């Protein structure tokens, strides 16, 4: 028999192959992560745009809170505020140059039936009086309702005029 000690240095070590695992996940996980990041970016962009579109509405509500409905100029200030909102959201709307009656009909269309709008012709063009304070408060509440219900994306609802517009 051969000496065991003589054969031992001639033996080669057995090396097992390394595991074929890389640190990268499979392609499906990359695609899923890319889809998730895309959806997150779209959601953040959508929220940013919605916030930017509603900033005018928030500013209008802040300005409305500063208008004292008991002051003699309250009706004029409320009317100017509503016209500025209409001009911002729909710059070429025909009611920007319409009569007071058409403007009143448009505003009443924005309101529910249980919240009637006081006559704007008397509020805007007649001298202030004690009977106007209730009408001014009603106009202030109507303005608040219109601004709160305003959709910044669609603007005001469309106005259907009875006749043809020249």
C-alpha atoms as a PDB file:
ATOM      1  CA  UNK A   1       0.000   0.000   0.000  1.00  0.00           C
ATOM      2  CA  UNK A   2       1.048   3.390  -0.708  1.00  0.00           C
ATOM      3  CA  UNK A   3       1.772   5.805   1.956  1.00  0.00           C
ATOM      4  CA  UNK A   4      -1.216   8.072   2.621  1.00  0.00           C
ATOM      5  CA  UNK A   5       0.960  10.965   3.386  1.00  0.00           C
ATOM      6  CA  UNK A   6       2.524  10.857  -0.063  1.00  0.00           C
ATOM      7  CA  UNK A   7      -0.804  11.076  -1.936  1.00  0.00           C
ATOM      8  CA  UNK A   8      -2.307  13.863   0.095  1.00  0.00           C
ATOM      9  CA  UNK A   9      -0.312  16.688  -1.523  1.00  0.00           C
ATOM     10  CA  UNK A  10      -1.290  15.432  -4.962  1.00  0.00           C
ATOM     11  CA  UNK A  11      -5.010  15.737  -4.326  1.00  0.00           C
ATOM     12  CA  UNK A  12      -6.635  18.777  -5.820  1.00  0.00           C
ATOM     13  CA  UNK A  13      -9.198  20.679  -3.820  1.00  0.00           C
ATOM     14  CA  UNK A  14     -12.779  20.392  -4.941  1.00  0.00           C
ATOM     15  CA  UNK A  15     -14.181  23.789  -5.684  1.00  0.00           C
ATOM     16  CA  UNK A  16     -17.919  24.151  -5.933  1.00  0.00           C
ATOM     17  CA  UNK A  17     -19.112  26.706  -8.475  1.00  0.00           C
ATOM     18  CA  UNK A  18     -20.361  29.963  -7.025  1.00  0.00           C
ATOM     19  CA  UNK A  19     -24.065  30.558  -6.927  1.00  0.00           C
ATOM     20  CA  UNK A  20     -25.267  32.322 -10.022  1.00  0.00           C
ATOM     21  CA  UNK A  21     -27.169  34.999  -8.142  1.00  0.00           C
ATOM     22  CA  UNK A  22     -26.731  38.601  -9.014  1.00  0.00           C
ATOM     23  CA  UNK A  23     -27.916  41.450  -6.878  1.00  0.00           C
ATOM     24  CA  UNK A  24     -30.293  42.658  -9.593  1.00  0.00           C
ATOM     25  CA  UNK A  25     -33.944  41.647  -9.409  1.00  0.00           C
ATOM     26  CA  UNK A  26     -35.608  40.062 -12.421  1.00  0.00           C
ATOM     27  CA  UNK A  27     -36.911  42.194 -15.301  1.00  0.00           C
ATOM     28  CA  UNK A  28     -40.526  41.903 -14.132  1.00  0.00           C
ATOM     29  CA  UNK A  29     -39.698  43.626 -10.870  1.00  0.00           C
ATOM     30  CA  UNK A  30     -37.996  46.464 -12.753  1.00  0.00           C
ATOM     31  CA  UNK A  31     -41.063  46.911 -14.938  1.00  0.00           C
ATOM     32  CA  UNK A  32     -43.337  46.859 -11.891  1.00  0.00           C
ATOM     33  CA  UNK A  33     -41.168  49.460 -10.142  1.00  0.00           C
ATOM     34  CA  UNK A  34     -41.156  51.634 -13.262  1.00  0.00           C
ATOM     35  CA  UNK A  35     -44.949  51.405 -13.465  1.00  0.00           C
ATOM     36  CA  UNK A  36     -45.280  52.342  -9.789  1.00  0.00           C
ATOM     37  CA  UNK A  37     -42.959  55.333 -10.211  1.00  0.00           C
ATOM     38  CA  UNK A  38     -44.853  56.464 -13.300  1.00  0.00           C
ATOM     39  CA  UNK A  39     -48.164  56.272 -11.464  1.00  0.00           C
ATOM     40  CA  UNK A  40     -46.714  58.145  -8.503  1.00  0.00           C
ATOM     41  CA  UNK A  41     -45.349  60.875 -10.773  1.00  0.00           C
ATOM     42  CA  UNK A  42     -48.707  61.159 -12.565  1.00  0.00           C
ATOM     43  CA  UNK A  43     -50.538  61.404  -9.248  1.00  0.00           C
ATOM     44  CA  UNK A  44     -48.191  64.108  -7.968  1.00  0.00           C
ATOM     45  CA  UNK A  45     -48.511  66.029 -11.233  1.00  0.00           C
ATOM     46  CA  UNK A  46     -52.303  65.757 -11.106  1.00  0.00           C
ATOM     47  CA  UNK A  47     -52.376  67.051  -7.502  1.00  0.00           C
ATOM     48  CA  UNK A  48     -50.056  69.920  -8.421  1.00  0.00           C
ATOM     49  CA  UNK A  49     -52.258  70.951 -11.360  1.00  0.00           C
ATOM     50  CA  UNK A  50     -55.421  70.709  -9.271  1.00  0.00           C
ATOM     51  CA  UNK A  51     -53.854  72.898  -6.612  1.00  0.00           C
ATOM     52  CA  UNK A  52     -52.702  75.431  -9.198  1.00  0.00           C
ATOM     53  CA  UNK A  53     -56.129  75.524 -10.832  1.00  0.00           C
ATOM     54  CA  UNK A  54     -57.929  76.043  -7.544  1.00  0.00           C
ATOM     55  CA  UNK A  55     -55.637  78.798  -6.244  1.00  0.00           C
ATOM     56  CA  UNK A  56     -57.843  81.483  -7.816  1.00  0.00           C
ATOM     57  CA  UNK A  57     -60.884  79.926  -6.167  1.00  0.00           C
ATOM     58  CA  UNK A  58     -59.122  79.955  -2.782  1.00  0.00           C
ATOM     59  CA  UNK A  59     -58.086  83.573  -3.289  1.00  0.00           C
ATOM     60  CA  UNK A  60     -61.679  84.479  -4.184  1.00  0.00           C
ATOM     61  CA  UNK A  61     -62.959  82.826  -1.012  1.00  0.00           C
ATOM     62  CA  UNK A  62     -60.366  84.740   1.010  1.00  0.00           C
ATOM     63  CA  UNK A  63     -61.409  87.999  -0.634  1.00  0.00           C
ATOM     64  CA  UNK A  64     -65.062  87.181  -0.046  1.00  0.00           C
ATOM     65  CA  UNK A  65     -64.341  86.718   3.653  1.00  0.00           C
ATOM     66  CA  UNK A  66     -62.937  90.243   3.735  1.00  0.00           C
ATOM     67  CA  UNK A  67     -66.006  91.813   2.130  1.00  0.00           C
ATOM     68  CA  UNK A  68     -68.394  93.190   4.732  1.00  0.00           C
ATOM     69  CA  UNK A  69     -71.904  92.576   3.407  1.00  0.00           C
ATOM     70  CA  UNK A  70     -73.206  95.490   5.497  1.00  0.00           C
ATOM     71  CA  UNK A  71     -71.042  98.088   3.742  1.00  0.00           C
ATOM     72  CA  UNK A  72     -72.688 100.227   1.029  1.00  0.00           C
ATOM     73  CA  UNK A  73     -70.203  98.997  -1.597  1.00  0.00           C
ATOM     74  CA  UNK A  74     -70.685  95.299  -0.808  1.00  0.00           C
ATOM     75  CA  UNK A  75     -72.924  94.560  -3.801  1.00  0.00           C
ATOM     76  CA  UNK A  76     -70.489  96.201  -6.201  1.00  0.00           C
ATOM     77  CA  UNK A  77     -67.511  94.374  -4.681  1.00  0.00           C
ATOM     78  CA  UNK A  78     -69.327  91.039  -4.868  1.00  0.00           C
ATOM     79  CA  UNK A  79     -70.335  91.668  -8.472  1.00  0.00           C
ATOM     80  CA  UNK A  80     -66.755  92.591  -9.428  1.00  0.00           C
ATOM     81  CA  UNK A  81     -65.450  89.476  -7.677  1.00  0.00           C
ATOM     82  CA  UNK A  82     -67.836  87.215  -9.617  1.00  0.00           C
ATOM     83  CA  UNK A  83     -67.005  88.909 -12.926  1.00  0.00           C
ATOM     84  CA  UNK A  84     -63.265  88.497 -12.272  1.00  0.00           C
ATOM     85  CA  UNK A  85     -63.780  84.801 -11.577  1.00  0.00           C
ATOM     86  CA  UNK A  86     -65.755  84.395 -14.787  1.00  0.00           C
ATOM     87  CA  UNK A  87     -63.089  86.279 -16.724  1.00  0.00           C
ATOM     88  CA  UNK A  88     -60.315  84.132 -15.243  1.00  0.00           C
ATOM     89  CA  UNK A  89     -61.934  80.765 -15.923  1.00  0.00           C
ATOM     90  CA  UNK A  90     -63.676  81.693 -19.186  1.00  0.00           C
ATOM     91  CA  UNK A  91     -62.021  84.791 -20.696  1.00  0.00           C
ATOM     92  CA  UNK A  92     -64.189  84.929 -23.816  1.00  0.00           C
ATOM     93  CA  UNK A  93     -67.534  84.349 -22.130  1.00  0.00           C
ATOM     94  CA  UNK A  94     -70.296  86.482 -23.707  1.00  0.00           C
ATOM     95  CA  UNK A  95     -71.690  87.473 -20.307  1.00  0.00           C
ATOM     96  CA  UNK A  96     -68.660  89.613 -19.553  1.00  0.00           C
ATOM     97  CA  UNK A  97     -70.286  92.291 -21.697  1.00  0.00           C
ATOM     98  CA  UNK A  98     -73.943  91.299 -21.194  1.00  0.00           C
ATOM     99  CA  UNK A  99     -76.748  93.227 -19.575  1.00  0.00           C
ATOM    100  CA  UNK A 100     -77.540  93.096 -15.879  1.00  0.00           C
ATOM    101  CA  UNK A 101     -80.628  90.969 -16.522  1.00  0.00           C
ATOM    102  CA  UNK A 102     -78.602  88.361 -18.413  1.00  0.00           C
ATOM    103  CA  UNK A 103     -75.923  88.418 -15.703  1.00  0.00           C
ATOM    104  CA  UNK A 104     -78.607  87.933 -13.046  1.00  0.00           C
ATOM    105  CA  UNK A 105     -80.108  85.002 -14.987  1.00  0.00           C
ATOM    106  CA  UNK A 106     -76.662  83.430 -15.320  1.00  0.00           C
ATOM    107  CA  UNK A 107     -75.934  83.778 -11.605  1.00  0.00           C
ATOM    108  CA  UNK A 108     -79.353  82.409 -10.689  1.00  0.00           C
ATOM    109  CA  UNK A 109     -78.622  79.427 -12.910  1.00  0.00           C
ATOM    110  CA  UNK A 110     -75.556  78.711 -10.757  1.00  0.00           C
ATOM    111  CA  UNK A 111     -77.669  78.652  -7.587  1.00  0.00           C
ATOM    112  CA  UNK A 112     -80.136  76.105  -6.247  1.00  0.00           C
ATOM    113  CA  UNK A 113     -83.820  77.044  -6.393  1.00  0.00           C
ATOM    114  CA  UNK A 114     -84.046  77.538  -2.623  1.00  0.00           C
ATOM    115  CA  UNK A 115     -81.408  80.310  -2.758  1.00  0.00           C
ATOM    116  CA  UNK A 116     -82.910  83.122  -4.849  1.00  0.00           C
ATOM    117  CA  UNK A 117     -80.735  85.976  -5.993  1.00  0.00           C
ATOM    118  CA  UNK A 118     -81.884  89.493  -5.078  1.00  0.00           C
ATOM    119  CA  UNK A 119     -82.451  91.898  -7.993  1.00  0.00           C
ATOM    120  CA  UNK A 120     -79.004  93.079  -9.013  1.00  0.00           C
ATOM    121  CA  UNK A 121     -80.242  96.190 -10.810  1.00  0.00           C
ATOM    122  CA  UNK A 122     -81.539  97.668  -7.556  1.00  0.00           C
ATOM    123  CA  UNK A 123     -78.527  96.506  -5.554  1.00  0.00           C
ATOM    124  CA  UNK A 124     -75.944  97.869  -7.959  1.00  0.00           C
ATOM    125  CA  UNK A 125     -77.518 101.019  -9.360  1.00  0.00           C
ATOM    126  CA  UNK A 126     -79.717 102.502  -6.628  1.00  0.00           C
ATOM    127  CA  UNK A 127     -78.710 104.454  -3.561  1.00  0.00           C
ATOM    128  CA  UNK A 128     -77.979 102.389  -0.468  1.00  0.00           C
ATOM    129  CA  UNK A 129     -80.812 102.072   1.998  1.00  0.00           C
ATOM    130  CA  UNK A 130     -81.789 100.131   5.105  1.00  0.00           C
ATOM    131  CA  UNK A 131     -83.823  97.636   3.080  1.00  0.00           C
ATOM    132  CA  UNK A 132     -80.770  96.737   0.995  1.00  0.00           C
ATOM    133  CA  UNK A 133     -78.802  95.154   3.849  1.00  0.00           C
ATOM    134  CA  UNK A 134     -80.924  91.983   3.761  1.00  0.00           C
ATOM    135  CA  UNK A 135     -80.543  91.836  -0.015  1.00  0.00           C
ATOM    136  CA  UNK A 136     -76.805  92.403   0.276  1.00  0.00           C
ATOM    137  CA  UNK A 137     -76.530  89.589   2.797  1.00  0.00           C
ATOM    138  CA  UNK A 138     -78.492  87.342   0.437  1.00  0.00           C
ATOM    139  CA  UNK A 139     -76.194  88.355  -2.445  1.00  0.00           C
ATOM    140  CA  UNK A 140     -73.138  87.643  -0.241  1.00  0.00           C
ATOM    141  CA  UNK A 141     -74.478  84.162   0.600  1.00  0.00           C
ATOM    142  CA  UNK A 142     -75.257  83.521  -3.065  1.00  0.00           C
ATOM    143  CA  UNK A 143     -71.734  84.609  -4.030  1.00  0.00           C
ATOM    144  CA  UNK A 144     -70.268  82.311  -1.395  1.00  0.00           C
ATOM    145  CA  UNK A 145     -72.318  79.387  -2.727  1.00  0.00           C
ATOM    146  CA  UNK A 146     -71.295  80.106  -6.334  1.00  0.00           C
ATOM    147  CA  UNK A 147     -67.594  80.283  -5.469  1.00  0.00           C
ATOM    148  CA  UNK A 148     -67.682  77.133  -3.338  1.00  0.00           C
ATOM    149  CA  UNK A 149     -69.482  75.166  -6.065  1.00  0.00           C
ATOM    150  CA  UNK A 150     -67.163  76.418  -8.803  1.00  0.00           C
ATOM    151  CA  UNK A 151     -65.213  73.652 -10.512  1.00  0.00           C
ATOM    152  CA  UNK A 152     -61.755  75.023 -11.370  1.00  0.00           C
ATOM    153  CA  UNK A 153     -61.375  72.646 -14.303  1.00  0.00           C
ATOM    154  CA  UNK A 154     -64.723  73.258 -15.996  1.00  0.00           C
ATOM    155  CA  UNK A 155     -65.335  76.818 -14.826  1.00  0.00           C
ATOM    156  CA  UNK A 156     -68.885  78.057 -14.618  1.00  0.00           C
ATOM    157  CA  UNK A 157     -71.701  76.044 -16.138  1.00  0.00           C
ATOM    158  CA  UNK A 158     -72.774  77.094 -19.573  1.00  0.00           C
ATOM    159  CA  UNK A 159     -75.386  79.772 -20.051  1.00  0.00           C
ATOM    160  CA  UNK A 160     -78.124  79.136 -22.540  1.00  0.00           C
ATOM    161  CA  UNK A 161     -79.426  82.415 -23.900  1.00  0.00           C
ATOM    162  CA  UNK A 162     -82.923  82.600 -25.215  1.00  0.00           C
ATOM    163  CA  UNK A 163     -82.126  84.412 -28.456  1.00  0.00           C
ATOM    164  CA  UNK A 164     -79.213  84.668 -30.787  1.00  0.00           C
ATOM    165  CA  UNK A 165     -76.194  86.616 -29.704  1.00  0.00           C
ATOM    166  CA  UNK A 166     -74.978  89.248 -32.151  1.00  0.00           C
END
